[in-house]
């Protein structure tokens, strides 16, 4: 079985969520899922996107992954296909954390 390489997450991620590593695909798809949820009103504003970038950097997401968020078409995305491969140490499920993050985003913007 070919297992995806795990990448370390930040110390903050470990402190807040108990997560120490994730695959690049999980990093990418979790951020994309946040964009889909934040864009459910039809737009991800500049402040919302800036929050996402800051949050993902704090979690230890590599810059080349963050760059892919800029190109992502959240309006055409299917949240269920993004969620399927997101398995960050099996600690994040059913996008509950994503919903929490988006609600935090709305409060900060």
N, C-alpha and C. Protein backbone atom coordinates (compact mmCIF):
# COMPACT_ATOMS: atom_id res chain seq x y z
N UNK A 1 0.84 -1.18 0.00
CA UNK A 1 0.00 0.00 0.00
C UNK A 1 0.89 1.24 0.00
N UNK A 2 0.58 2.20 -0.86
CA UNK A 2 1.33 3.43 -0.97
C UNK A 2 0.71 4.47 -0.04
N UNK A 3 1.44 4.86 0.98
CA UNK A 3 0.91 5.83 1.93
C UNK A 3 1.50 7.20 1.62
N UNK A 4 0.66 8.22 1.60
CA UNK A 4 1.12 9.58 1.33
C UNK A 4 2.06 10.04 2.43
N UNK A 5 3.03 10.84 2.04
CA UNK A 5 4.00 11.36 2.99
C UNK A 5 3.35 12.38 3.91
N UNK A 6 3.59 12.22 5.19
CA UNK A 6 3.07 13.16 6.17
C UNK A 6 4.03 14.34 6.29
N UNK A 7 3.45 15.52 6.42
CA UNK A 7 4.22 16.75 6.58
C UNK A 7 3.93 17.30 7.97
N UNK A 8 4.94 17.83 8.65
CA UNK A 8 4.71 18.34 10.01
C UNK A 8 3.81 19.57 10.00
N UNK A 9 3.00 19.67 11.04
CA UNK A 9 2.17 20.84 11.26
C UNK A 9 2.85 21.70 12.32
N UNK A 10 2.37 22.91 12.51
CA UNK A 10 3.00 23.85 13.44
C UNK A 10 2.77 23.43 14.89
N UNK A 11 3.57 24.04 15.75
CA UNK A 11 3.40 23.83 17.18
C UNK A 11 2.02 24.32 17.63
N UNK A 12 1.55 25.42 17.05
CA UNK A 12 0.22 25.94 17.37
C UNK A 12 -0.86 24.91 17.04
N UNK A 13 -0.73 24.27 15.89
CA UNK A 13 -1.69 23.24 15.50
C UNK A 13 -1.69 22.09 16.51
N UNK A 14 -0.52 21.75 16.95
CA UNK A 14 -0.41 20.68 17.95
C UNK A 14 -1.05 21.11 19.26
N UNK A 15 -0.81 22.35 19.67
CA UNK A 15 -1.38 22.86 20.92
C UNK A 15 -2.90 22.97 20.86
N UNK A 16 -3.42 23.54 19.77
CA UNK A 16 -4.86 23.79 19.66
C UNK A 16 -5.68 22.54 19.35
N UNK A 17 -5.16 21.71 18.43
CA UNK A 17 -5.96 20.61 17.91
C UNK A 17 -5.36 19.23 18.15
N UNK A 18 -4.16 19.19 18.67
CA UNK A 18 -3.50 17.90 18.89
C UNK A 18 -3.03 17.26 17.60
N UNK A 19 -2.85 18.06 16.55
CA UNK A 19 -2.45 17.54 15.25
C UNK A 19 -0.99 17.86 14.99
N UNK A 20 -0.22 16.84 14.65
CA UNK A 20 1.21 17.05 14.44
C UNK A 20 1.63 16.89 12.99
N UNK A 21 0.81 16.26 12.16
CA UNK A 21 1.20 16.05 10.77
C UNK A 21 -0.03 15.84 9.90
N UNK A 22 0.13 16.13 8.62
CA UNK A 22 -0.93 15.91 7.64
C UNK A 22 -0.28 15.71 6.28
N UNK A 23 -1.02 15.12 5.36
CA UNK A 23 -0.52 15.00 4.00
C UNK A 23 -0.70 16.34 3.28
N UNK A 24 0.03 16.52 2.20
CA UNK A 24 -0.15 17.74 1.42
C UNK A 24 -1.57 17.83 0.89
N UNK A 25 -2.13 16.70 0.50
CA UNK A 25 -3.51 16.67 0.00
C UNK A 25 -4.49 17.13 1.08
N UNK A 26 -4.26 16.72 2.32
CA UNK A 26 -5.14 17.15 3.42
C UNK A 26 -5.01 18.64 3.65
N UNK A 27 -3.77 19.15 3.64
CA UNK A 27 -3.56 20.60 3.77
C UNK A 27 -4.33 21.34 2.68
N UNK A 28 -4.17 20.87 1.44
CA UNK A 28 -4.79 21.54 0.30
C UNK A 28 -6.31 21.47 0.37
N UNK A 29 -6.85 20.30 0.59
CA UNK A 29 -8.30 20.13 0.55
C UNK A 29 -9.01 20.76 1.74
N UNK A 30 -8.37 20.80 2.90
CA UNK A 30 -8.99 21.46 4.04
C UNK A 30 -9.14 22.95 3.76
N UNK A 31 -8.11 23.58 3.22
CA UNK A 31 -8.19 24.99 2.86
C UNK A 31 -9.23 25.24 1.78
N UNK A 32 -9.29 24.34 0.81
CA UNK A 32 -10.30 24.47 -0.24
C UNK A 32 -11.70 24.35 0.35
N UNK A 33 -11.88 23.43 1.28
CA UNK A 33 -13.19 23.27 1.92
C UNK A 33 -13.57 24.54 2.67
N UNK A 34 -12.61 25.16 3.34
CA UNK A 34 -12.88 26.43 4.02
C UNK A 34 -13.32 27.49 3.01
N UNK A 35 -12.68 27.52 1.85
CA UNK A 35 -13.05 28.49 0.81
C UNK A 35 -14.47 28.24 0.29
N UNK A 36 -14.82 26.98 0.09
CA UNK A 36 -16.17 26.65 -0.39
C UNK A 36 -17.21 27.11 0.63
N UNK A 37 -16.95 26.85 1.89
CA UNK A 37 -17.90 27.23 2.94
C UNK A 37 -17.97 28.75 3.06
N UNK A 38 -16.81 29.40 3.08
CA UNK A 38 -16.80 30.87 3.19
C UNK A 38 -17.43 31.52 1.96
N UNK A 39 -17.33 30.87 0.81
CA UNK A 39 -17.88 31.41 -0.42
C UNK A 39 -19.31 31.01 -0.71
N UNK A 40 -19.95 30.40 0.24
CA UNK A 40 -21.34 29.95 0.04
C UNK A 40 -22.28 31.11 -0.23
N UNK A 41 -21.90 32.32 0.16
CA UNK A 41 -22.72 33.50 -0.13
C UNK A 41 -22.41 34.08 -1.50
N UNK A 42 -21.55 33.40 -2.26
CA UNK A 42 -21.23 33.82 -3.62
C UNK A 42 -19.88 34.47 -3.79
N UNK A 43 -19.24 34.82 -2.68
CA UNK A 43 -17.95 35.50 -2.79
C UNK A 43 -17.10 35.24 -1.55
N UNK A 44 -15.81 35.08 -1.78
CA UNK A 44 -14.83 35.09 -0.70
C UNK A 44 -14.14 36.45 -0.81
N UNK A 45 -14.44 37.32 0.14
CA UNK A 45 -13.88 38.67 0.12
C UNK A 45 -12.39 38.67 0.43
N UNK A 46 -11.77 39.82 0.19
CA UNK A 46 -10.33 39.96 0.44
C UNK A 46 -9.99 39.68 1.90
N UNK A 47 -10.79 40.20 2.81
CA UNK A 47 -10.52 39.99 4.24
C UNK A 47 -10.69 38.52 4.62
N UNK A 48 -11.67 37.87 4.05
CA UNK A 48 -11.87 36.44 4.32
C UNK A 48 -10.68 35.63 3.80
N UNK A 49 -10.25 35.95 2.59
CA UNK A 49 -9.12 35.21 2.02
C UNK A 49 -7.85 35.47 2.82
N UNK A 50 -7.64 36.70 3.24
CA UNK A 50 -6.46 37.04 4.05
C UNK A 50 -6.48 36.26 5.37
N UNK A 51 -7.66 36.14 5.97
CA UNK A 51 -7.79 35.35 7.21
C UNK A 51 -7.39 33.90 6.94
N UNK A 52 -7.89 33.35 5.84
CA UNK A 52 -7.57 31.96 5.50
C UNK A 52 -6.07 31.77 5.36
N UNK A 53 -5.42 32.66 4.64
CA UNK A 53 -3.98 32.55 4.43
C UNK A 53 -3.24 32.63 5.76
N UNK A 54 -3.60 33.59 6.62
CA UNK A 54 -2.96 33.71 7.94
C UNK A 54 -3.17 32.43 8.76
N UNK A 55 -4.39 31.94 8.76
CA UNK A 55 -4.71 30.74 9.54
C UNK A 55 -3.91 29.54 9.04
N UNK A 56 -3.88 29.34 7.74
CA UNK A 56 -3.18 28.19 7.18
C UNK A 56 -1.68 28.29 7.44
N UNK A 57 -1.11 29.49 7.38
CA UNK A 57 0.31 29.66 7.71
C UNK A 57 0.56 29.29 9.17
N UNK A 58 -0.32 29.75 10.05
CA UNK A 58 -0.17 29.42 11.48
C UNK A 58 -0.22 27.92 11.73
N UNK A 59 -0.94 27.18 10.88
CA UNK A 59 -1.06 25.74 11.04
C UNK A 59 0.12 24.99 10.42
N UNK A 60 0.97 25.74 9.70
CA UNK A 60 2.16 25.12 9.12
C UNK A 60 2.01 24.70 7.67
N UNK A 61 0.99 25.20 7.00
CA UNK A 61 0.77 24.84 5.60
C UNK A 61 1.87 25.48 4.74
N UNK A 62 2.50 24.69 3.89
CA UNK A 62 3.56 25.23 3.02
C UNK A 62 3.02 26.28 2.05
N UNK A 63 3.86 27.24 1.69
CA UNK A 63 3.46 28.33 0.80
C UNK A 63 2.99 27.83 -0.56
N UNK A 64 3.61 26.77 -1.08
CA UNK A 64 3.20 26.29 -2.40
C UNK A 64 1.77 25.74 -2.37
N UNK A 65 1.32 25.28 -1.22
CA UNK A 65 -0.08 24.85 -1.07
C UNK A 65 -0.98 26.08 -0.99
N UNK A 66 -0.59 27.06 -0.20
CA UNK A 66 -1.37 28.29 -0.07
C UNK A 66 -1.54 28.95 -1.44
N UNK A 67 -0.50 28.92 -2.26
CA UNK A 67 -0.59 29.49 -3.61
C UNK A 67 -1.70 28.85 -4.42
N UNK A 68 -1.95 27.57 -4.21
CA UNK A 68 -3.00 26.87 -4.95
C UNK A 68 -4.40 27.35 -4.56
N UNK A 69 -4.55 27.89 -3.36
CA UNK A 69 -5.86 28.43 -2.95
C UNK A 69 -6.25 29.62 -3.82
N UNK A 70 -5.25 30.38 -4.25
CA UNK A 70 -5.52 31.57 -5.08
C UNK A 70 -6.13 31.19 -6.43
N UNK A 71 -5.79 30.02 -6.93
CA UNK A 71 -6.25 29.56 -8.24
C UNK A 71 -7.54 28.74 -8.15
N UNK A 72 -7.97 28.42 -6.97
CA UNK A 72 -9.08 27.49 -6.76
C UNK A 72 -10.43 28.14 -7.03
N UNK A 73 -11.26 27.46 -7.82
CA UNK A 73 -12.61 27.94 -8.14
C UNK A 73 -13.59 27.36 -7.12
N UNK A 74 -13.77 28.05 -6.01
CA UNK A 74 -14.62 27.56 -4.93
C UNK A 74 -16.09 27.51 -5.33
N UNK A 75 -16.49 28.31 -6.31
CA UNK A 75 -17.90 28.32 -6.74
C UNK A 75 -18.29 27.02 -7.45
N UNK A 76 -17.33 26.40 -8.12
CA UNK A 76 -17.62 25.19 -8.90
C UNK A 76 -17.25 23.91 -8.15
N UNK A 77 -16.75 24.04 -6.94
CA UNK A 77 -16.25 22.88 -6.19
C UNK A 77 -17.38 22.11 -5.51
N UNK A 78 -17.12 20.83 -5.30
CA UNK A 78 -18.04 19.94 -4.59
C UNK A 78 -17.44 19.64 -3.22
N UNK A 79 -18.04 20.16 -2.20
CA UNK A 79 -17.52 20.02 -0.84
C UNK A 79 -17.34 18.55 -0.44
N UNK A 80 -18.22 17.68 -0.89
CA UNK A 80 -18.11 16.27 -0.49
C UNK A 80 -16.87 15.61 -1.08
N UNK A 81 -16.44 16.01 -2.28
CA UNK A 81 -15.23 15.41 -2.84
C UNK A 81 -13.98 15.98 -2.18
N UNK A 82 -14.06 17.19 -1.68
CA UNK A 82 -12.93 17.76 -0.96
C UNK A 82 -12.77 17.13 0.40
N UNK A 83 -13.88 16.81 1.02
CA UNK A 83 -13.85 16.25 2.36
C UNK A 83 -13.31 14.82 2.38
N UNK A 84 -13.59 14.05 1.35
CA UNK A 84 -13.24 12.63 1.34
C UNK A 84 -11.77 12.36 1.69
N UNK A 85 -10.81 13.05 1.06
CA UNK A 85 -9.42 12.72 1.39
C UNK A 85 -8.85 13.45 2.59
N UNK A 86 -9.61 14.30 3.23
CA UNK A 86 -9.10 15.02 4.38
C UNK A 86 -9.13 14.10 5.59
N UNK A 87 -7.95 13.66 6.01
CA UNK A 87 -7.83 12.78 7.16
C UNK A 87 -6.58 13.18 7.92
N UNK A 88 -6.68 14.19 8.72
CA UNK A 88 -5.56 14.70 9.47
C UNK A 88 -5.52 13.93 10.78
N UNK A 89 -4.71 12.86 10.76
CA UNK A 89 -4.59 11.97 11.92
C UNK A 89 -5.95 11.53 12.44
N UNK A 90 -6.93 11.48 11.59
CA UNK A 90 -8.30 11.06 11.93
C UNK A 90 -8.92 11.90 13.05
N UNK A 91 -8.37 13.10 13.29
CA UNK A 91 -8.88 13.94 14.36
C UNK A 91 -9.90 14.97 13.87
N UNK A 92 -9.90 15.28 12.60
CA UNK A 92 -10.84 16.25 12.05
C UNK A 92 -11.84 15.46 11.23
N UNK A 93 -13.13 15.50 11.62
CA UNK A 93 -14.13 14.74 10.87
C UNK A 93 -15.35 15.57 10.57
N UNK A 94 -16.05 15.18 9.51
CA UNK A 94 -17.31 15.81 9.11
C UNK A 94 -17.26 17.32 8.96
N UNK A 95 -16.07 17.85 8.78
CA UNK A 95 -15.87 19.28 8.58
C UNK A 95 -16.36 20.14 9.74
N UNK A 96 -16.50 19.55 10.93
CA UNK A 96 -16.89 20.36 12.09
C UNK A 96 -15.89 21.46 12.37
N UNK A 97 -14.62 21.13 12.28
CA UNK A 97 -13.60 22.14 12.51
C UNK A 97 -13.65 23.21 11.43
N UNK A 98 -13.93 22.81 10.20
CA UNK A 98 -14.03 23.79 9.10
C UNK A 98 -15.15 24.77 9.39
N UNK A 99 -16.27 24.27 9.82
CA UNK A 99 -17.40 25.15 10.14
C UNK A 99 -17.04 26.10 11.29
N UNK A 100 -16.33 25.58 12.28
CA UNK A 100 -15.88 26.42 13.38
C UNK A 100 -14.96 27.52 12.86
N UNK A 101 -14.01 27.14 11.98
CA UNK A 101 -13.08 28.13 11.46
C UNK A 101 -13.78 29.19 10.64
N UNK A 102 -14.74 28.79 9.84
CA UNK A 102 -15.45 29.77 9.02
C UNK A 102 -16.27 30.70 9.91
N UNK A 103 -16.86 30.18 10.97
CA UNK A 103 -17.60 31.05 11.86
C UNK A 103 -16.64 32.02 12.57
N UNK A 104 -15.45 31.58 12.86
CA UNK A 104 -14.44 32.47 13.45
C UNK A 104 -14.03 33.52 12.44
N UNK A 105 -13.89 33.12 11.20
CA UNK A 105 -13.52 34.04 10.13
C UNK A 105 -14.55 35.15 10.02
N UNK A 106 -15.81 34.79 10.01
CA UNK A 106 -16.88 35.78 9.89
C UNK A 106 -16.85 36.77 11.06
N UNK A 107 -16.52 36.29 12.24
CA UNK A 107 -16.48 37.16 13.42
C UNK A 107 -15.31 38.13 13.36
N UNK A 108 -14.19 37.71 12.75
CA UNK A 108 -12.99 38.54 12.70
C UNK A 108 -13.02 39.54 11.56
N UNK A 109 -13.76 39.25 10.50
CA UNK A 109 -13.74 40.11 9.30
C UNK A 109 -14.55 41.35 9.51
